[in-house]
Amino acid sequence: MKKKRSGVWLLASLAGLGCAASPEQLDRPTNVAFGLDGDVYVADGYNHARIARFSAGGEFLSEWGEKGFGRGQLDTPHGIATDDEGRVYVADRENARVQVFSADGGYLAQWKSAALGRPWAIAFGPDRHVYVVDGGDQDPERPRGHVLRIDLGGEIVDRWGTSGDGPGEIDWGHGIAVGQDGSVYVTSLRGRGVQKFRRTK
């Protein structure tokens, strides 16, 4: 990771597709999140199946995870988010779960259930809840298109959305963000680009 003079970061996959790399090199990263101290957490997901942590200046600090289905192992970590206490949440897509880690990578918990589905993206909201897009199985016969609102104990407290490409529908939800006003923004791999949702009381 390099930082240009302008302050813009350059993330480089120096090893190349499918090649071995030194720890600071990335290979098809999928998402990024910022810690309380400015550290950067990268979901290096498609080939490395790990989380890489860098300082605010771009220095490699640590990594955790390896491909597998056990505690702390990952299979396509596709989304990552941090909360206001420094915990790190990973959308462990192919393992159909969310894993929760401490700021330094210590395993804390996993959330996995039929209701959760297959998390493709994850965000932390100003209401201190975690928002997950259930992008669904890649089997077209089993589409899903839900957004889930989850408390910090892993309980699903709200869900909305249906699969499809119409207004308000989600077709393979691929990214999510939550604004300070609580608005939820969702991108779809196929479908309607970015959609904005507002929760109703």
N, C-alpha and C. Protein backbone atom coordinates (compact mmCIF):
# COMPACT_ATOMS: atom_id res chain seq x y z
N MET A 1 0.85 -1.18 0.00
CA MET A 1 0.00 0.00 0.00
C MET A 1 0.89 1.23 0.00
N LYS A 2 0.58 2.17 -0.87
CA LYS A 2 1.36 3.39 -0.96
C LYS A 2 0.44 4.59 -0.81
N LYS A 3 0.97 5.66 -0.26
CA LYS A 3 0.21 6.89 -0.10
C LYS A 3 0.85 7.99 -0.93
N LYS A 4 0.07 8.54 -1.85
CA LYS A 4 0.59 9.60 -2.69
C LYS A 4 0.65 10.91 -1.91
N ARG A 5 1.38 11.88 -2.46
CA ARG A 5 1.53 13.17 -1.79
C ARG A 5 0.19 13.87 -1.60
N SER A 6 -0.73 13.65 -2.50
CA SER A 6 -2.04 14.29 -2.42
C SER A 6 -2.87 13.76 -1.27
N GLY A 7 -2.42 12.67 -0.65
CA GLY A 7 -3.19 12.04 0.41
C GLY A 7 -4.07 10.91 -0.08
N VAL A 8 -4.10 10.71 -1.39
CA VAL A 8 -4.88 9.61 -1.96
C VAL A 8 -4.07 8.33 -1.85
N TRP A 9 -4.74 7.27 -1.43
CA TRP A 9 -4.05 6.00 -1.26
C TRP A 9 -4.07 5.19 -2.55
N LEU A 10 -2.99 4.49 -2.78
CA LEU A 10 -2.90 3.57 -3.90
C LEU A 10 -2.76 2.16 -3.34
N LEU A 11 -3.74 1.32 -3.61
CA LEU A 11 -3.68 -0.07 -3.21
C LEU A 11 -3.22 -0.87 -4.42
N ALA A 12 -2.14 -1.60 -4.28
CA ALA A 12 -1.57 -2.29 -5.43
C ALA A 12 -1.53 -3.78 -5.19
N SER A 13 -1.98 -4.54 -6.17
CA SER A 13 -1.89 -6.00 -6.14
C SER A 13 -0.61 -6.40 -6.86
N LEU A 14 0.50 -6.25 -6.17
CA LEU A 14 1.79 -6.41 -6.81
C LEU A 14 2.08 -7.86 -7.19
N ALA A 15 1.45 -8.80 -6.48
CA ALA A 15 1.78 -10.19 -6.74
C ALA A 15 1.15 -10.70 -8.02
N GLY A 16 0.04 -10.11 -8.43
CA GLY A 16 -0.66 -10.59 -9.61
C GLY A 16 -1.69 -11.64 -9.26
N LEU A 17 -2.57 -11.88 -10.18
CA LEU A 17 -3.69 -12.77 -9.97
C LEU A 17 -3.23 -14.19 -9.64
N GLY A 18 -3.64 -14.67 -8.46
CA GLY A 18 -3.39 -16.05 -8.10
C GLY A 18 -1.97 -16.38 -7.71
N CYS A 19 -1.11 -15.38 -7.57
CA CYS A 19 0.30 -15.63 -7.25
C CYS A 19 0.56 -15.46 -5.76
N ALA A 20 1.59 -16.11 -5.27
CA ALA A 20 2.00 -15.93 -3.88
C ALA A 20 2.46 -14.50 -3.69
N ALA A 21 2.29 -14.00 -2.47
CA ALA A 21 2.64 -12.60 -2.21
C ALA A 21 3.21 -12.46 -0.83
N SER A 22 3.95 -11.38 -0.61
CA SER A 22 4.36 -11.03 0.74
C SER A 22 3.14 -10.46 1.45
N PRO A 23 3.15 -10.41 2.79
CA PRO A 23 1.94 -10.04 3.54
C PRO A 23 1.36 -8.68 3.18
N GLU A 24 2.22 -7.73 2.79
CA GLU A 24 1.69 -6.39 2.51
C GLU A 24 1.08 -6.27 1.12
N GLN A 25 1.21 -7.30 0.30
CA GLN A 25 0.68 -7.25 -1.05
C GLN A 25 -0.73 -7.84 -1.09
N LEU A 26 -1.57 -7.23 -1.90
CA LEU A 26 -2.97 -7.62 -2.00
C LEU A 26 -3.24 -8.34 -3.31
N ASP A 27 -4.23 -9.20 -3.30
CA ASP A 27 -4.58 -9.94 -4.51
C ASP A 27 -6.11 -10.02 -4.60
N ARG A 28 -6.69 -9.14 -5.38
CA ARG A 28 -8.13 -9.03 -5.59
C ARG A 28 -8.87 -8.72 -4.28
N PRO A 29 -8.54 -7.62 -3.63
CA PRO A 29 -9.27 -7.23 -2.41
C PRO A 29 -10.71 -6.87 -2.75
N THR A 30 -11.58 -7.03 -1.77
CA THR A 30 -13.01 -6.85 -2.00
C THR A 30 -13.63 -5.66 -1.29
N ASN A 31 -13.05 -5.21 -0.16
CA ASN A 31 -13.66 -4.12 0.59
C ASN A 31 -12.67 -3.56 1.59
N VAL A 32 -13.02 -2.43 2.20
CA VAL A 32 -12.12 -1.75 3.12
C VAL A 32 -12.94 -1.07 4.21
N ALA A 33 -12.36 -0.96 5.40
CA ALA A 33 -13.01 -0.26 6.52
C ALA A 33 -11.92 0.41 7.35
N PHE A 34 -12.32 1.41 8.13
CA PHE A 34 -11.38 2.17 8.95
C PHE A 34 -11.62 1.93 10.43
N GLY A 35 -10.53 1.74 11.18
CA GLY A 35 -10.61 1.56 12.62
C GLY A 35 -10.67 2.88 13.36
N LEU A 36 -10.83 2.80 14.67
CA LEU A 36 -10.95 4.01 15.49
C LEU A 36 -9.70 4.87 15.44
N ASP A 37 -8.55 4.23 15.29
CA ASP A 37 -7.27 4.95 15.29
C ASP A 37 -6.81 5.30 13.88
N GLY A 38 -7.67 5.10 12.90
CA GLY A 38 -7.32 5.40 11.52
C GLY A 38 -6.72 4.24 10.76
N ASP A 39 -6.46 3.13 11.44
CA ASP A 39 -5.96 1.95 10.74
C ASP A 39 -6.95 1.52 9.67
N VAL A 40 -6.43 0.90 8.63
CA VAL A 40 -7.24 0.47 7.49
C VAL A 40 -7.29 -1.05 7.46
N TYR A 41 -8.50 -1.59 7.42
CA TYR A 41 -8.70 -3.04 7.34
C TYR A 41 -9.16 -3.37 5.92
N VAL A 42 -8.44 -4.26 5.28
CA VAL A 42 -8.76 -4.64 3.90
C VAL A 42 -9.20 -6.10 3.88
N ALA A 43 -10.39 -6.33 3.32
CA ALA A 43 -10.82 -7.70 3.06
C ALA A 43 -10.16 -8.14 1.76
N ASP A 44 -9.10 -8.91 1.89
CA ASP A 44 -8.33 -9.38 0.74
C ASP A 44 -8.93 -10.72 0.33
N GLY A 45 -10.07 -10.64 -0.35
CA GLY A 45 -11.02 -11.73 -0.30
C GLY A 45 -10.96 -12.82 -1.34
N TYR A 46 -10.74 -12.48 -2.59
CA TYR A 46 -10.98 -13.49 -3.61
C TYR A 46 -9.90 -14.56 -3.68
N ASN A 47 -8.66 -14.21 -3.42
CA ASN A 47 -7.59 -15.20 -3.51
C ASN A 47 -6.91 -15.48 -2.18
N HIS A 48 -6.78 -14.46 -1.33
CA HIS A 48 -6.03 -14.65 -0.09
C HIS A 48 -6.89 -15.09 1.08
N ALA A 49 -8.19 -14.81 1.06
CA ALA A 49 -9.09 -15.21 2.15
C ALA A 49 -8.54 -14.76 3.50
N ARG A 50 -8.27 -13.47 3.62
CA ARG A 50 -7.69 -12.94 4.85
C ARG A 50 -8.12 -11.49 5.04
N ILE A 51 -7.84 -10.96 6.23
CA ILE A 51 -7.97 -9.54 6.52
C ILE A 51 -6.57 -8.99 6.72
N ALA A 52 -6.25 -7.91 6.02
CA ALA A 52 -4.95 -7.25 6.17
C ALA A 52 -5.18 -5.90 6.84
N ARG A 53 -4.30 -5.57 7.79
CA ARG A 53 -4.43 -4.31 8.54
C ARG A 53 -3.22 -3.42 8.25
N PHE A 54 -3.51 -2.17 7.90
CA PHE A 54 -2.47 -1.19 7.60
C PHE A 54 -2.64 0.01 8.51
N SER A 55 -1.55 0.71 8.75
CA SER A 55 -1.62 1.97 9.50
C SER A 55 -2.22 3.05 8.62
N ALA A 56 -2.54 4.20 9.24
CA ALA A 56 -3.07 5.32 8.47
C ALA A 56 -2.07 5.82 7.44
N GLY A 57 -0.79 5.54 7.66
CA GLY A 57 0.24 5.94 6.71
C GLY A 57 0.52 4.91 5.64
N GLY A 58 -0.18 3.78 5.69
CA GLY A 58 -0.01 2.75 4.67
C GLY A 58 0.96 1.65 5.03
N GLU A 59 1.46 1.62 6.27
CA GLU A 59 2.40 0.57 6.69
C GLU A 59 1.63 -0.70 7.06
N PHE A 60 2.09 -1.84 6.54
CA PHE A 60 1.47 -3.11 6.89
C PHE A 60 1.70 -3.42 8.36
N LEU A 61 0.62 -3.78 9.08
CA LEU A 61 0.71 -4.05 10.51
C LEU A 61 0.49 -5.52 10.85
N SER A 62 -0.53 -6.12 10.29
CA SER A 62 -0.84 -7.50 10.65
C SER A 62 -1.84 -8.08 9.66
N GLU A 63 -2.08 -9.37 9.79
CA GLU A 63 -3.08 -10.04 8.98
C GLU A 63 -3.66 -11.19 9.78
N TRP A 64 -4.86 -11.60 9.41
CA TRP A 64 -5.42 -12.82 10.00
C TRP A 64 -6.38 -13.46 9.02
N GLY A 65 -6.60 -14.75 9.25
CA GLY A 65 -7.51 -15.52 8.40
C GLY A 65 -6.76 -16.39 7.41
N GLU A 66 -7.39 -17.48 7.06
CA GLU A 66 -6.94 -18.38 6.02
C GLU A 66 -8.16 -19.08 5.48
N LYS A 67 -8.04 -19.69 4.31
CA LYS A 67 -9.22 -20.31 3.71
C LYS A 67 -9.65 -21.52 4.50
N GLY A 68 -10.94 -21.57 4.82
CA GLY A 68 -11.51 -22.68 5.57
C GLY A 68 -12.85 -22.30 6.14
N PHE A 69 -13.44 -23.21 6.90
CA PHE A 69 -14.77 -22.96 7.47
C PHE A 69 -14.77 -22.99 8.99
N GLY A 70 -13.61 -23.11 9.62
CA GLY A 70 -13.53 -23.10 11.07
C GLY A 70 -13.59 -21.70 11.63
N ARG A 71 -13.55 -21.61 12.96
CA ARG A 71 -13.58 -20.31 13.62
C ARG A 71 -12.36 -19.49 13.20
N GLY A 72 -12.61 -18.27 12.76
CA GLY A 72 -11.52 -17.40 12.33
C GLY A 72 -11.03 -17.64 10.91
N GLN A 73 -11.45 -18.74 10.30
CA GLN A 73 -11.11 -18.99 8.91
C GLN A 73 -12.14 -18.31 8.01
N LEU A 74 -11.78 -18.09 6.76
CA LEU A 74 -12.61 -17.32 5.86
C LEU A 74 -12.68 -17.98 4.49
N ASP A 75 -13.78 -17.73 3.80
CA ASP A 75 -13.92 -18.16 2.42
C ASP A 75 -14.65 -17.05 1.66
N THR A 76 -13.89 -16.28 0.93
CA THR A 76 -14.36 -15.07 0.25
C THR A 76 -14.91 -14.05 1.24
N PRO A 77 -14.04 -13.48 2.07
CA PRO A 77 -14.48 -12.35 2.90
C PRO A 77 -14.79 -11.17 1.98
N HIS A 78 -16.08 -10.91 1.79
CA HIS A 78 -16.52 -10.02 0.72
C HIS A 78 -16.85 -8.62 1.22
N GLY A 79 -17.15 -8.47 2.50
CA GLY A 79 -17.47 -7.17 3.07
C GLY A 79 -16.84 -7.04 4.44
N ILE A 80 -16.58 -5.81 4.86
CA ILE A 80 -15.96 -5.58 6.17
C ILE A 80 -16.46 -4.26 6.72
N ALA A 81 -16.65 -4.20 8.03
CA ALA A 81 -17.09 -2.98 8.70
C ALA A 81 -16.51 -2.97 10.10
N THR A 82 -16.42 -1.78 10.69
CA THR A 82 -15.98 -1.63 12.07
C THR A 82 -17.04 -0.87 12.85
N ASP A 83 -17.09 -1.12 14.17
CA ASP A 83 -18.07 -0.40 14.99
C ASP A 83 -17.38 0.65 15.85
N ASP A 84 -18.16 1.30 16.70
CA ASP A 84 -17.63 2.41 17.50
C ASP A 84 -16.85 1.96 18.72
N GLU A 85 -16.64 0.66 18.86
CA GLU A 85 -15.77 0.13 19.91
C GLU A 85 -14.57 -0.59 19.32
N GLY A 86 -14.41 -0.51 18.01
CA GLY A 86 -13.23 -1.07 17.36
C GLY A 86 -13.38 -2.49 16.87
N ARG A 87 -14.53 -3.12 17.10
CA ARG A 87 -14.71 -4.48 16.59
C ARG A 87 -14.80 -4.49 15.07
N VAL A 88 -14.39 -5.61 14.50
CA VAL A 88 -14.36 -5.76 13.05
C VAL A 88 -15.36 -6.85 12.65
N TYR A 89 -16.24 -6.53 11.71
CA TYR A 89 -17.27 -7.46 11.24
C TYR A 89 -16.95 -7.83 9.80
N VAL A 90 -16.94 -9.12 9.52
CA VAL A 90 -16.59 -9.60 8.19
C VAL A 90 -17.75 -10.40 7.60
N ALA A 91 -18.18 -10.01 6.41
CA ALA A 91 -19.17 -10.79 5.66
C ALA A 91 -18.42 -11.93 4.98
N ASP A 92 -18.46 -13.09 5.62
CA ASP A 92 -17.74 -14.29 5.18
C ASP A 92 -18.64 -15.02 4.18
N ARG A 93 -18.62 -14.55 2.94
CA ARG A 93 -19.68 -14.87 1.99
C ARG A 93 -19.88 -16.36 1.74
N GLU A 94 -18.84 -17.05 1.34
CA GLU A 94 -19.02 -18.45 0.95
C GLU A 94 -19.26 -19.36 2.15
N ASN A 95 -18.94 -18.90 3.35
CA ASN A 95 -19.29 -19.65 4.56
C ASN A 95 -20.66 -19.24 5.11
N ALA A 96 -21.33 -18.32 4.42
CA ALA A 96 -22.70 -17.91 4.77
C ALA A 96 -22.81 -17.49 6.23
N ARG A 97 -21.94 -16.55 6.63
CA ARG A 97 -21.95 -16.10 8.02
C ARG A 97 -21.27 -14.73 8.13
N VAL A 98 -21.49 -14.10 9.27
CA VAL A 98 -20.73 -12.93 9.68
C VAL A 98 -19.81 -13.37 10.81
N GLN A 99 -18.54 -13.00 10.74
CA GLN A 99 -17.63 -13.24 11.85
C GLN A 99 -17.24 -11.90 12.47
N VAL A 100 -17.09 -11.93 13.78
CA VAL A 100 -16.76 -10.72 14.54
C VAL A 100 -15.38 -10.91 15.17
N PHE A 101 -14.52 -9.90 15.02
CA PHE A 101 -13.16 -9.96 15.54
C PHE A 101 -12.86 -8.71 16.36
N SER A 102 -11.87 -8.82 17.23
CA SER A 102 -11.34 -7.64 17.91
C SER A 102 -10.52 -6.84 16.92
N ALA A 103 -10.09 -5.65 17.33
CA ALA A 103 -9.33 -4.78 16.44
C ALA A 103 -8.02 -5.41 15.97
N ASP A 104 -7.45 -6.31 16.77
CA ASP A 104 -6.20 -6.96 16.39
C ASP A 104 -6.40 -8.35 15.81
N GLY A 105 -7.65 -8.70 15.49
CA GLY A 105 -7.91 -9.95 14.80
C GLY A 105 -8.31 -11.12 15.67
N GLY A 106 -8.50 -10.90 16.96
CA GLY A 106 -8.94 -11.98 17.83
C GLY A 106 -10.39 -12.37 17.54
N TYR A 107 -10.63 -13.66 17.43
CA TYR A 107 -11.98 -14.14 17.13
C TYR A 107 -12.90 -13.88 18.32
N LEU A 108 -14.10 -13.32 18.05
CA LEU A 108 -15.07 -13.04 19.10
C LEU A 108 -16.36 -13.83 18.94
N ALA A 109 -16.89 -13.91 17.73
CA ALA A 109 -18.19 -14.55 17.55
C ALA A 109 -18.44 -14.80 16.07
N GLN A 110 -19.45 -15.62 15.80
CA GLN A 110 -19.96 -15.75 14.44
C GLN A 110 -21.48 -15.70 14.48
N TRP A 111 -22.05 -15.14 13.43
CA TRP A 111 -23.50 -15.12 13.26
C TRP A 111 -23.81 -15.94 12.02
N LYS A 112 -24.60 -16.97 12.20
CA LYS A 112 -24.93 -17.85 11.08
C LYS A 112 -26.31 -18.44 11.31
N SER A 113 -27.19 -18.29 10.34
CA SER A 113 -28.53 -18.85 10.45
C SER A 113 -29.18 -18.85 9.08
N ALA A 114 -30.26 -19.62 8.95
CA ALA A 114 -31.01 -19.62 7.70
C ALA A 114 -31.57 -18.24 7.40
N ALA A 115 -31.97 -17.51 8.44
CA ALA A 115 -32.53 -16.17 8.25
C ALA A 115 -31.48 -15.19 7.76
N LEU A 116 -30.23 -15.39 8.18
CA LEU A 116 -29.16 -14.50 7.75
C LEU A 116 -28.83 -14.70 6.29
N GLY A 117 -28.92 -15.93 5.82
CA GLY A 117 -28.62 -16.21 4.43
C GLY A 117 -27.14 -16.16 4.14
N ARG A 118 -26.79 -15.54 3.03
CA ARG A 118 -25.39 -15.46 2.60
C ARG A 118 -24.98 -13.99 2.50
N PRO A 119 -24.27 -13.47 3.51
CA PRO A 119 -23.91 -12.05 3.53
C PRO A 119 -22.89 -11.70 2.44
N TRP A 120 -23.26 -10.72 1.64
CA TRP A 120 -22.34 -10.24 0.61
C TRP A 120 -21.71 -8.91 0.99
N ALA A 121 -22.38 -8.14 1.83
CA ALA A 121 -21.87 -6.82 2.20
C ALA A 121 -22.36 -6.48 3.59
N ILE A 122 -21.64 -5.57 4.26
CA ILE A 122 -21.94 -5.28 5.66
C ILE A 122 -21.55 -3.83 5.97
N ALA A 123 -22.31 -3.20 6.86
CA ALA A 123 -22.02 -1.82 7.27
C ALA A 123 -22.48 -1.63 8.70
N PHE A 124 -21.89 -0.64 9.38
CA PHE A 124 -22.28 -0.29 10.74
C PHE A 124 -23.00 1.04 10.70
N GLY A 125 -24.19 1.09 11.32
CA GLY A 125 -25.00 2.29 11.26
C GLY A 125 -24.88 3.17 12.49
N PRO A 126 -25.34 4.42 12.40
CA PRO A 126 -25.30 5.34 13.54
C PRO A 126 -26.22 4.92 14.68
N ASP A 127 -27.11 3.99 14.42
CA ASP A 127 -28.00 3.46 15.46
C ASP A 127 -27.36 2.29 16.21
N ARG A 128 -26.07 2.05 15.97
CA ARG A 128 -25.30 0.97 16.60
C ARG A 128 -25.88 -0.40 16.25
N HIS A 129 -26.32 -0.54 15.02
CA HIS A 129 -26.74 -1.82 14.48
C HIS A 129 -25.89 -2.12 13.24
N VAL A 130 -25.79 -3.40 12.94
CA VAL A 130 -25.06 -3.86 11.77
C VAL A 130 -26.07 -4.14 10.66
N TYR A 131 -25.76 -3.68 9.47
CA TYR A 131 -26.63 -3.88 8.31
C TYR A 131 -25.94 -4.82 7.33
N VAL A 132 -26.68 -5.82 6.89
CA VAL A 132 -26.12 -6.86 6.02
C VAL A 132 -27.00 -7.01 4.79
N VAL A 133 -26.37 -7.13 3.63
CA VAL A 133 -27.08 -7.51 2.42
C VAL A 133 -26.92 -9.02 2.24
N ASP A 134 -28.06 -9.71 2.21
CA ASP A 134 -28.06 -11.13 1.88
C ASP A 134 -28.16 -11.23 0.36
N GLY A 135 -27.01 -11.35 -0.28
CA GLY A 135 -26.99 -11.40 -1.74
C GLY A 135 -27.50 -12.70 -2.29
N GLY A 136 -27.55 -13.74 -1.47
CA GLY A 136 -28.12 -15.00 -1.89
C GLY A 136 -27.10 -15.95 -2.48
N ASP A 137 -27.55 -17.15 -2.72
CA ASP A 137 -26.72 -18.13 -3.39
C ASP A 137 -26.55 -17.72 -4.85
N GLN A 138 -25.46 -18.13 -5.43
CA GLN A 138 -25.22 -17.80 -6.82
C GLN A 138 -26.02 -18.69 -7.76
N ASP A 139 -26.74 -19.66 -7.21
CA ASP A 139 -27.67 -20.48 -7.98
C ASP A 139 -28.88 -19.62 -8.34
N PRO A 140 -29.16 -19.38 -9.63
CA PRO A 140 -30.28 -18.51 -10.00
C PRO A 140 -31.63 -19.05 -9.57
N GLU A 141 -31.69 -20.33 -9.24
CA GLU A 141 -32.95 -20.90 -8.78
C GLU A 141 -33.23 -20.55 -7.32
N ARG A 142 -32.27 -19.95 -6.63
CA ARG A 142 -32.45 -19.63 -5.22
C ARG A 142 -32.10 -18.16 -4.97
N PRO A 143 -32.81 -17.24 -5.63
CA PRO A 143 -32.48 -15.82 -5.45
C PRO A 143 -32.89 -15.32 -4.08
N ARG A 144 -32.15 -14.34 -3.59
CA ARG A 144 -32.50 -13.66 -2.35
C ARG A 144 -32.21 -12.18 -2.56
N GLY A 145 -32.86 -11.35 -1.78
CA GLY A 145 -32.62 -9.93 -1.93
C GLY A 145 -33.01 -9.16 -0.69
N HIS A 146 -32.42 -9.52 0.43
CA HIS A 146 -32.81 -8.93 1.70
C HIS A 146 -31.73 -8.00 2.26
N VAL A 147 -32.19 -7.00 3.00
CA VAL A 147 -31.33 -6.23 3.88
C VAL A 147 -31.74 -6.58 5.31
N LEU A 148 -30.76 -6.88 6.14
CA LEU A 148 -31.03 -7.26 7.52
C LEU A 148 -30.39 -6.25 8.47
N ARG A 149 -31.12 -5.90 9.51
CA ARG A 149 -30.62 -5.02 10.56
C ARG A 149 -30.42 -5.88 11.80
N ILE A 150 -29.20 -5.89 12.33
CA ILE A 150 -28.81 -6.85 13.36
C ILE A 150 -28.23 -6.09 14.54
N ASP A 151 -28.63 -6.49 15.75
CA ASP A 151 -28.05 -5.84 16.93
C ASP A 151 -26.67 -6.41 17.21
N LEU A 152 -25.96 -5.82 18.17
CA LEU A 152 -24.57 -6.21 18.40
C LEU A 152 -24.43 -7.58 19.05
N GLY A 153 -25.55 -8.16 19.46
CA GLY A 153 -25.53 -9.53 19.95
C GLY A 153 -25.79 -10.55 18.86
N GLY A 154 -26.00 -10.08 17.64
CA GLY A 154 -26.22 -10.99 16.52
C GLY A 154 -27.66 -11.33 16.24
N GLU A 155 -28.60 -10.65 16.92
CA GLU A 155 -30.03 -10.91 16.71
C GLU A 155 -30.56 -10.05 15.57
N ILE A 156 -31.26 -10.67 14.64
CA ILE A 156 -31.90 -9.93 13.55
C ILE A 156 -33.13 -9.23 14.10
N VAL A 157 -33.17 -7.91 13.99
CA VAL A 157 -34.29 -7.14 14.53
C VAL A 157 -35.18 -6.57 13.44
N ASP A 158 -34.72 -6.60 12.21
CA ASP A 158 -35.53 -6.06 11.11
C ASP A 158 -34.98 -6.61 9.81
N ARG A 159 -35.84 -6.73 8.82
CA ARG A 159 -35.39 -7.14 7.49
C ARG A 159 -36.37 -6.62 6.46
N TRP A 160 -35.88 -6.32 5.28
CA TRP A 160 -36.76 -5.88 4.22
C TRP A 160 -36.11 -6.18 2.87
N GLY A 161 -36.91 -6.06 1.83
CA GLY A 161 -36.43 -6.29 0.48
C GLY A 161 -36.87 -7.62 -0.08
N THR A 162 -37.00 -7.67 -1.37
CA THR A 162 -37.29 -8.90 -2.10
C THR A 162 -36.37 -8.97 -3.31
N SER A 163 -36.25 -10.16 -3.85
CA SER A 163 -35.39 -10.34 -5.01
C SER A 163 -36.09 -9.86 -6.27
N GLY A 164 -35.36 -9.17 -7.12
CA GLY A 164 -35.92 -8.70 -8.38
C GLY A 164 -35.18 -7.48 -8.87
N ASP A 165 -35.59 -6.96 -10.03
CA ASP A 165 -34.92 -5.80 -10.60
C ASP A 165 -35.84 -4.59 -10.70
N GLY A 166 -36.95 -4.59 -9.97
CA GLY A 166 -37.85 -3.45 -9.95
C GLY A 166 -37.47 -2.47 -8.85
N PRO A 167 -38.16 -1.33 -8.78
CA PRO A 167 -37.90 -0.35 -7.72
C PRO A 167 -38.07 -0.97 -6.33
N GLY A 168 -37.07 -0.80 -5.49
CA GLY A 168 -37.11 -1.35 -4.15
C GLY A 168 -36.73 -2.81 -4.06
N GLU A 169 -36.50 -3.45 -5.20
CA GLU A 169 -36.09 -4.85 -5.21
C GLU A 169 -34.57 -4.94 -5.37
N ILE A 170 -34.00 -6.04 -4.92
CA ILE A 170 -32.55 -6.20 -4.89
C ILE A 170 -32.19 -7.48 -5.62
N ASP A 171 -31.31 -7.37 -6.59
CA ASP A 171 -30.89 -8.53 -7.37
C ASP A 171 -29.40 -8.76 -7.14
N TRP A 172 -29.09 -9.70 -6.26
CA TRP A 172 -27.71 -9.97 -5.85
C TRP A 172 -27.09 -8.70 -5.25
N GLY A 173 -27.61 -8.27 -4.11
CA GLY A 173 -27.07 -7.10 -3.43
C GLY A 173 -25.57 -7.24 -3.19
N HIS A 174 -24.81 -6.24 -3.59
CA HIS A 174 -23.36 -6.39 -3.63
C HIS A 174 -22.62 -5.43 -2.72
N GLY A 175 -23.28 -4.34 -2.29
CA GLY A 175 -22.65 -3.37 -1.42
C GLY A 175 -23.68 -2.64 -0.60
N ILE A 176 -23.27 -2.12 0.57
CA ILE A 176 -24.20 -1.42 1.45
C ILE A 176 -23.45 -0.34 2.23
N ALA A 177 -24.14 0.77 2.46
CA ALA A 177 -23.62 1.85 3.31
C ALA A 177 -24.80 2.48 4.04
N VAL A 178 -24.53 3.05 5.21
CA VAL A 178 -25.57 3.68 6.01
C VAL A 178 -25.15 5.11 6.30
N GLY A 179 -26.01 6.07 5.94
CA GLY A 179 -25.72 7.47 6.18
C GLY A 179 -25.98 7.87 7.61
N GLN A 180 -25.52 9.06 7.98
CA GLN A 180 -25.71 9.55 9.35
C GLN A 180 -27.17 9.77 9.69
N ASP A 181 -28.01 9.94 8.67
CA ASP A 181 -29.44 10.10 8.92
C ASP A 181 -30.18 8.77 8.94
N GLY A 182 -29.44 7.67 8.84
CA GLY A 182 -30.04 6.35 8.88
C GLY A 182 -30.46 5.81 7.53
N SER A 183 -30.30 6.59 6.48
CA SER A 183 -30.63 6.09 5.14
C SER A 183 -29.67 4.95 4.77
N VAL A 184 -30.22 3.94 4.12
CA VAL A 184 -29.44 2.76 3.74
C VAL A 184 -29.31 2.74 2.21
N TYR A 185 -28.08 2.62 1.75
CA TYR A 185 -27.80 2.61 0.32
C TYR A 185 -27.30 1.22 -0.08
N VAL A 186 -27.91 0.65 -1.11
CA VAL A 186 -27.59 -0.71 -1.53
C VAL A 186 -27.27 -0.73 -3.02
N THR A 187 -26.18 -1.39 -3.37
CA THR A 187 -25.87 -1.63 -4.78
C THR A 187 -26.14 -3.09 -5.10
N SER A 188 -26.51 -3.33 -6.34
CA SER A 188 -26.81 -4.68 -6.80
C SER A 188 -25.85 -5.06 -7.92
N LEU A 189 -25.47 -6.32 -7.93
CA LEU A 189 -24.61 -6.82 -9.00
C LEU A 189 -25.34 -6.75 -10.33
N ARG A 190 -26.64 -7.04 -10.27
CA ARG A 190 -27.50 -6.88 -11.44
C ARG A 190 -28.70 -6.06 -10.99
N GLY A 191 -29.18 -5.19 -11.83
CA GLY A 191 -30.38 -4.48 -11.43
C GLY A 191 -30.25 -2.98 -11.51
N ARG A 192 -30.58 -2.28 -10.43
CA ARG A 192 -30.89 -0.87 -10.49
C ARG A 192 -29.79 0.04 -9.94
N GLY A 193 -28.54 -0.36 -10.01
CA GLY A 193 -27.47 0.52 -9.54
C GLY A 193 -27.54 0.72 -8.04
N VAL A 194 -27.57 1.99 -7.59
CA VAL A 194 -27.65 2.30 -6.16
C VAL A 194 -29.10 2.66 -5.81
N GLN A 195 -29.62 2.02 -4.77
CA GLN A 195 -30.95 2.35 -4.29
C GLN A 195 -30.85 2.86 -2.85
N LYS A 196 -31.71 3.81 -2.52
CA LYS A 196 -31.75 4.40 -1.18
C LYS A 196 -33.02 3.95 -0.48
N PHE A 197 -32.86 3.51 0.77
CA PHE A 197 -33.98 3.07 1.59
C PHE A 197 -34.02 3.89 2.87
N ARG A 198 -35.21 4.16 3.34
CA ARG A 198 -35.41 4.80 4.64
C ARG A 198 -36.29 3.91 5.48
N ARG A 199 -35.83 3.61 6.69
CA ARG A 199 -36.64 2.80 7.59
C ARG A 199 -37.83 3.62 8.07
N THR A 200 -39.00 2.97 8.13
CA THR A 200 -40.19 3.62 8.68
C THR A 200 -40.42 3.09 10.08
N LYS A 201 -40.84 3.97 10.97
CA LYS A 201 -41.05 3.58 12.36
C LYS A 201 -42.37 2.85 12.52
